[in-house]
Protein backbone atom coordinates (compact mmCIF):
# COMPACT_ATOMS: atom_id res chain seq x y z
CA MET A 1 -14.11 -18.34 -6.90
CA SER A 2 -16.16 -21.37 -7.91
CA GLU A 3 -18.84 -22.94 -5.79
CA ASN A 4 -17.59 -25.79 -3.64
CA PRO A 5 -20.06 -28.70 -3.95
CA GLU A 6 -18.96 -29.96 -0.53
CA GLU A 7 -19.79 -26.62 1.14
CA SER A 8 -23.09 -26.61 3.06
CA VAL A 9 -25.53 -23.72 2.71
CA ASP A 10 -24.77 -22.76 6.31
CA ALA A 11 -20.99 -22.71 5.66
CA ARG A 12 -21.50 -20.75 2.41
CA VAL A 13 -23.64 -18.11 4.15
CA ARG A 14 -21.05 -17.77 6.94
CA ARG A 15 -18.32 -17.31 4.35
CA ARG A 16 -20.41 -14.86 2.31
CA LEU A 17 -21.33 -12.93 5.46
CA ARG A 18 -17.62 -12.47 6.28
CA GLU A 19 -16.74 -11.63 2.66
CA LEU A 20 -19.51 -9.06 2.25
CA ARG A 21 -18.78 -7.46 5.62
CA THR A 22 -15.05 -7.22 4.83
CA GLU A 23 -15.65 -5.90 1.28
CA ARG A 24 -17.74 -3.11 2.74
CA GLY A 25 -15.18 -2.32 5.43
CA LEU A 26 -17.68 -3.00 8.23
CA THR A 27 -16.88 -4.31 11.68
CA LEU A 28 -18.88 -7.02 13.42
CA GLN A 29 -20.20 -4.30 15.74
CA GLN A 30 -21.45 -2.17 12.85
CA VAL A 31 -23.26 -5.08 11.16
CA ALA A 32 -24.72 -6.23 14.49
CA GLU A 33 -26.09 -2.74 15.17
CA ARG A 34 -27.51 -2.39 11.65
CA ALA A 35 -29.12 -5.84 11.84
CA SER A 36 -30.33 -5.39 15.44
CA ILE A 37 -28.54 -8.62 16.33
CA ASP A 38 -26.45 -9.09 19.44
CA LEU A 39 -22.70 -8.78 18.69
CA SER A 40 -21.93 -12.15 20.26
CA THR A 41 -24.68 -13.78 18.17
CA LEU A 42 -23.24 -12.33 14.96
CA SER A 43 -19.74 -13.41 15.95
CA ARG A 44 -20.95 -16.96 16.62
CA LEU A 45 -22.85 -17.00 13.31
CA GLU A 46 -19.70 -16.02 11.38
CA SER A 47 -17.51 -18.50 13.24
CA GLY A 48 -19.97 -21.39 12.90
CA LYS A 49 -20.58 -21.71 16.62
CA ARG A 50 -24.24 -20.90 16.07
CA ARG A 51 -26.49 -22.06 13.26
CA LEU A 52 -28.09 -19.50 11.01
CA ALA A 53 -31.84 -19.15 11.48
CA LEU A 54 -34.16 -18.08 8.67
CA ASP A 55 -35.16 -14.96 10.63
CA HIS A 56 -31.53 -13.76 10.62
CA ILE A 57 -31.39 -13.53 6.81
CA PRO A 58 -33.58 -10.42 6.19
CA ALA A 59 -31.83 -8.44 8.96
CA LEU A 60 -28.35 -9.42 7.72
CA CYS A 61 -29.26 -8.61 4.10
CA ALA A 62 -30.53 -5.17 5.14
CA ALA A 63 -27.42 -4.53 7.25
CA LEU A 64 -25.12 -5.42 4.35
CA GLY A 65 -27.26 -3.82 1.62
CA VAL A 66 -27.64 -7.05 -0.37
CA SER A 67 -30.49 -9.29 -1.50
CA ALA A 68 -31.08 -12.71 0.02
CA ASP A 69 -29.89 -14.20 -3.28
CA GLU A 70 -26.56 -12.37 -2.91
CA LEU A 71 -26.12 -13.56 0.68
CA LEU A 72 -27.07 -17.16 -0.08
CA ALA A 73 -25.25 -17.46 -3.41
CA SER A 74 -21.64 -18.26 -4.04
CA ALA A 75 -19.41 -15.23 -4.40
CA PRO A 76 -19.09 -14.10 -8.01
CA PRO A 77 -15.60 -14.62 -9.43
CA GLN A 78 -13.54 -11.48 -9.06
CA ASP A 79 -11.32 -10.01 -11.73
CA PRO A 80 -7.83 -10.51 -10.26
CA ARG A 81 -6.30 -7.60 -12.17
CA ILE A 82 -5.34 -4.48 -10.25
CA ARG A 83 -6.43 -1.38 -12.13
CA GLY A 84 -5.47 1.40 -9.76
CA ARG A 85 -4.32 4.60 -11.39
CA PRO A 86 -0.81 5.87 -10.66
CA TRP A 87 -0.39 9.10 -8.74
CA LYS A 88 2.52 11.48 -8.25
CA CYS A 89 3.79 13.05 -5.05
CA ASP A 90 7.13 14.61 -4.07
CA GLY A 91 9.15 13.32 -7.04
CA MET A 92 7.61 9.83 -6.91
CA THR A 93 5.05 8.06 -9.08
CA MET A 94 3.23 5.18 -7.38
CA TRP A 95 1.21 2.32 -8.88
CA PRO A 96 -0.89 0.15 -6.54
CA LEU A 97 -0.17 -3.58 -6.88
CA THR A 98 -2.76 -4.86 -4.40
CA HIS A 99 -6.47 -4.42 -3.87
CA ARG A 100 -7.65 -2.61 -0.74
CA GLY A 101 -8.78 -5.96 0.65
CA PRO A 102 -7.83 -8.15 3.56
CA ALA A 103 -4.03 -8.30 3.08
CA ALA A 104 -3.46 -7.89 6.84
CA GLY A 105 -3.36 -4.16 6.24
CA LEU A 106 -0.33 -4.48 3.95
CA HIS A 107 -0.30 -3.10 0.42
CA ALA A 108 2.27 -3.30 -2.37
CA TYR A 109 3.27 -0.49 -4.73
CA LYS A 110 5.60 -0.09 -7.66
CA ILE A 111 7.36 3.23 -7.20
CA HIS A 112 9.40 5.35 -9.60
CA ILE A 113 11.61 7.88 -7.82
CA SER A 114 12.78 10.83 -9.90
CA ALA A 115 16.54 11.43 -10.21
CA ARG A 116 15.86 14.83 -8.56
CA GLN A 117 14.61 13.17 -5.34
CA ARG A 118 18.02 13.22 -3.60
CA ARG A 119 17.66 15.44 -0.57
CA PRO A 120 16.14 14.11 2.64
CA PRO A 121 13.95 16.33 4.82
CA ASP A 122 15.54 18.13 7.78
CA LYS A 123 13.76 15.76 10.17
CA LEU A 124 13.47 12.09 9.16
CA PRO A 125 9.98 10.65 9.73
CA VAL A 126 9.16 7.96 12.30
CA HIS A 127 5.95 5.93 12.49
CA GLU A 128 4.56 2.62 13.63
CA GLY A 129 5.17 -0.44 11.46
CA HIS A 130 7.67 -1.91 9.00
CA ASP A 131 8.61 -1.10 5.41
CA TRP A 132 9.86 -3.57 2.82
CA LEU A 133 11.61 -2.31 -0.33
CA TYR A 134 12.94 -4.22 -3.36
CA VAL A 135 14.98 -2.26 -5.90
CA LEU A 136 14.21 -3.17 -9.51
CA ASP A 137 16.38 -0.57 -11.27
CA GLY A 138 18.65 2.29 -10.27
CA ARG A 139 20.42 2.89 -6.97
CA LEU A 140 18.39 3.78 -3.88
CA ARG A 141 19.72 5.81 -0.97
CA LEU A 142 18.23 4.66 2.32
CA LEU A 143 18.76 6.61 5.53
CA LEU A 144 18.06 4.72 8.76
CA GLY A 145 18.83 6.85 11.78
CA ASP A 146 22.46 7.97 11.41
CA GLU A 147 23.28 5.24 8.86
CA SER A 148 23.24 5.69 5.07
CA PHE A 149 22.92 2.72 2.70
CA VAL A 150 23.00 2.37 -1.08
CA ILE A 151 20.61 -0.36 -2.19
CA GLU A 152 21.41 -1.86 -5.60
CA PRO A 153 19.03 -3.54 -8.10
CA GLY A 154 18.04 -7.00 -6.89
CA GLU A 155 18.54 -6.09 -3.23
CA ALA A 156 15.75 -5.96 -0.67
CA VAL A 157 15.57 -4.23 2.69
CA GLU A 158 13.24 -4.54 5.64
CA PHE A 159 13.28 -2.17 8.57
CA THR A 160 11.25 -0.97 11.47
CA THR A 161 9.77 2.42 10.83
CA TRP A 162 10.25 3.38 14.47
CA THR A 163 13.77 4.21 13.25
CA PRO A 164 13.96 7.66 11.58
CA HIS A 165 14.12 6.90 7.84
CA TRP A 166 14.02 8.26 4.29
CA PHE A 167 14.72 6.92 0.80
CA GLY A 168 15.54 8.62 -2.49
CA ALA A 169 17.70 8.46 -5.62
CA VAL A 170 21.52 8.22 -5.63
CA ASP A 171 22.53 9.15 -9.18
CA GLY A 172 19.52 8.55 -11.41
CA PRO A 173 15.90 7.41 -11.31
CA VAL A 174 14.96 4.40 -9.18
CA GLU A 175 12.26 1.75 -9.68
CA LEU A 176 11.26 -0.28 -6.63
CA ILE A 177 8.54 -2.36 -5.07
CA MET A 178 7.37 -1.26 -1.63
CA ILE A 179 5.20 -3.13 0.84
CA ALA A 180 3.81 -0.87 3.53
CA GLY A 181 1.28 -1.03 6.30
CA PRO A 182 -1.37 1.64 6.85
CA GLN A 183 0.95 3.94 8.82
CA GLY A 184 3.73 3.85 6.20
CA GLU A 185 1.19 4.27 3.43
CA ARG A 186 -0.13 7.49 4.98
CA LEU A 187 3.35 8.88 5.54
CA HIS A 188 5.20 7.85 2.35
CA LEU A 189 2.41 7.73 -0.19
CA HIS A 190 -0.18 10.30 0.92
CA PRO A 191 1.71 13.15 2.63
């Protein structure tokens, strides 16, 4: 991310404040408490409805664990490559395709399903959210409630996860891309 010459110092600090808070997984409430600043004041500072005063800077830096230079400077350019290590679970190998950042809670994975992953559990799981799947290679069996579907390479599916569901291999290994929210991630990828 390069510095925008049009961006004022005030706008840059607001942006950096949001970026640093989000990177650290902190809520406005947590930063406000750490900085001993009223929550509404911090919210107005981030949104630009209140101007940043010099006496805010040391408290915000301490709350975020950064120097004043880091808060006032432009964000360093980030390496866009995803370097998450794959992990295996229940006949599947998963590779993360997104950072753990602000993707509205959604994360993408490339998944390899073993040819042995053909038998659904006795009780199909249900959870909050949606799942999106795109089959790259192989044939995927998708159970949604009482319905069974075979998803071919190049086909995508989207479904509410309030419906009992499961997916596995039909007659060989399957490669797919999955986009899941936090609830689906916990259930499908970290049982």
